[in-house]
C-alpha atoms as a PDB file:
ATOM      1  CA  UNK A   1     -54.032  15.123  44.296  1.00  0.00           C
ATOM      2  CA  UNK A   2     -56.153  17.338  46.502  1.00  0.00           C
ATOM      3  CA  UNK A   3     -59.046  19.490  46.100  1.00  0.00           C
ATOM      4  CA  UNK A   4     -57.824  22.254  48.318  1.00  0.00           C
ATOM      5  CA  UNK A   5     -54.555  23.421  49.919  1.00  0.00           C
ATOM      6  CA  UNK A   6     -56.011  22.691  53.358  1.00  0.00           C
ATOM      7  CA  UNK A   7     -56.281  19.035  52.351  1.00  0.00           C
ATOM      8  CA  UNK A   8     -52.516  18.909  51.763  1.00  0.00           C
ATOM      9  CA  UNK A   9     -50.154  17.693  54.415  1.00  0.00           C
ATOM     10  CA  UNK A  10     -47.649  20.167  55.337  1.00  0.00           C
ATOM     11  CA  UNK A  11     -44.282  19.824  53.618  1.00  0.00           C
ATOM     12  CA  UNK A  12     -45.530  17.196  51.140  1.00  0.00           C
ATOM     13  CA  UNK A  13     -45.903  17.956  47.448  1.00  0.00           C
ATOM     14  CA  UNK A  14     -49.447  17.969  46.136  1.00  0.00           C
ATOM     15  CA  UNK A  15     -51.259  18.576  42.775  1.00  0.00           C
ATOM     16  CA  UNK A  16     -54.528  20.418  42.471  1.00  0.00           C
ATOM     17  CA  UNK A  17     -56.664  22.509  40.147  1.00  0.00           C
ATOM     18  CA  UNK A  18     -56.411  26.189  41.190  1.00  0.00           C
ATOM     19  CA  UNK A  19     -58.995  29.008  40.881  1.00  0.00           C
ATOM     20  CA  UNK A  20     -57.863  29.549  37.090  1.00  0.00           C
ATOM     21  CA  UNK A  21     -58.329  25.672  36.526  1.00  0.00           C
ATOM     22  CA  UNK A  22     -54.607  25.201  35.901  1.00  0.00           C
ATOM     23  CA  UNK A  23     -52.998  22.139  37.390  1.00  0.00           C
ATOM     24  CA  UNK A  24     -50.741  23.406  40.177  1.00  0.00           C
ATOM     25  CA  UNK A  25     -47.923  21.665  42.185  1.00  0.00           C
ATOM     26  CA  UNK A  26     -47.739  23.059  45.726  1.00  0.00           C
ATOM     27  CA  UNK A  27     -46.265  22.463  49.172  1.00  0.00           C
ATOM     28  CA  UNK A  28     -48.460  23.623  51.937  1.00  0.00           C
ATOM     29  CA  UNK A  29     -46.304  25.696  54.258  1.00  0.00           C
ATOM     30  CA  UNK A  30     -43.247  25.491  51.874  1.00  0.00           C
ATOM     31  CA  UNK A  31     -42.096  25.946  48.219  1.00  0.00           C
ATOM     32  CA  UNK A  32     -42.610  23.270  45.779  1.00  0.00           C
ATOM     33  CA  UNK A  33     -40.131  25.001  43.573  1.00  0.00           C
ATOM     34  CA  UNK A  34     -37.434  24.657  46.252  1.00  0.00           C
ATOM     35  CA  UNK A  35     -38.414  21.193  47.446  1.00  0.00           C
ATOM     36  CA  UNK A  36     -38.617  19.760  43.877  1.00  0.00           C
ATOM     37  CA  UNK A  37     -35.772  21.786  42.421  1.00  0.00           C
ATOM     38  CA  UNK A  38     -37.937  23.143  39.525  1.00  0.00           C
ATOM     39  CA  UNK A  39     -38.720  26.556  38.153  1.00  0.00           C
ATOM     40  CA  UNK A  40     -41.181  28.141  35.823  1.00  0.00           C
ATOM     41  CA  UNK A  41     -40.850  26.766  32.293  1.00  0.00           C
ATOM     42  CA  UNK A  42     -39.231  23.471  33.422  1.00  0.00           C
ATOM     43  CA  UNK A  43     -40.690  20.388  31.617  1.00  0.00           C
ATOM     44  CA  UNK A  44     -41.957  17.742  34.217  1.00  0.00           C
ATOM     45  CA  UNK A  45     -43.764  14.510  34.045  1.00  0.00           C
ATOM     46  CA  UNK A  46     -46.600  13.526  36.410  1.00  0.00           C
ATOM     47  CA  UNK A  47     -47.618   9.883  37.099  1.00  0.00           C
ATOM     48  CA  UNK A  48     -50.705   8.876  38.921  1.00  0.00           C
ATOM     49  CA  UNK A  49     -50.828   5.867  41.102  1.00  0.00           C
END
């Protein structure tokens, strides 16, 4: 989890709440969709350690 995109390490997936207060999965300087092999509408499960 991160509060901002700037907190994320480049190339590492991160979750954060965006400006519309939706939970987002992102990759700084990359594509979460490509890296994780997911697309809009896919069902995913998140686990927090």
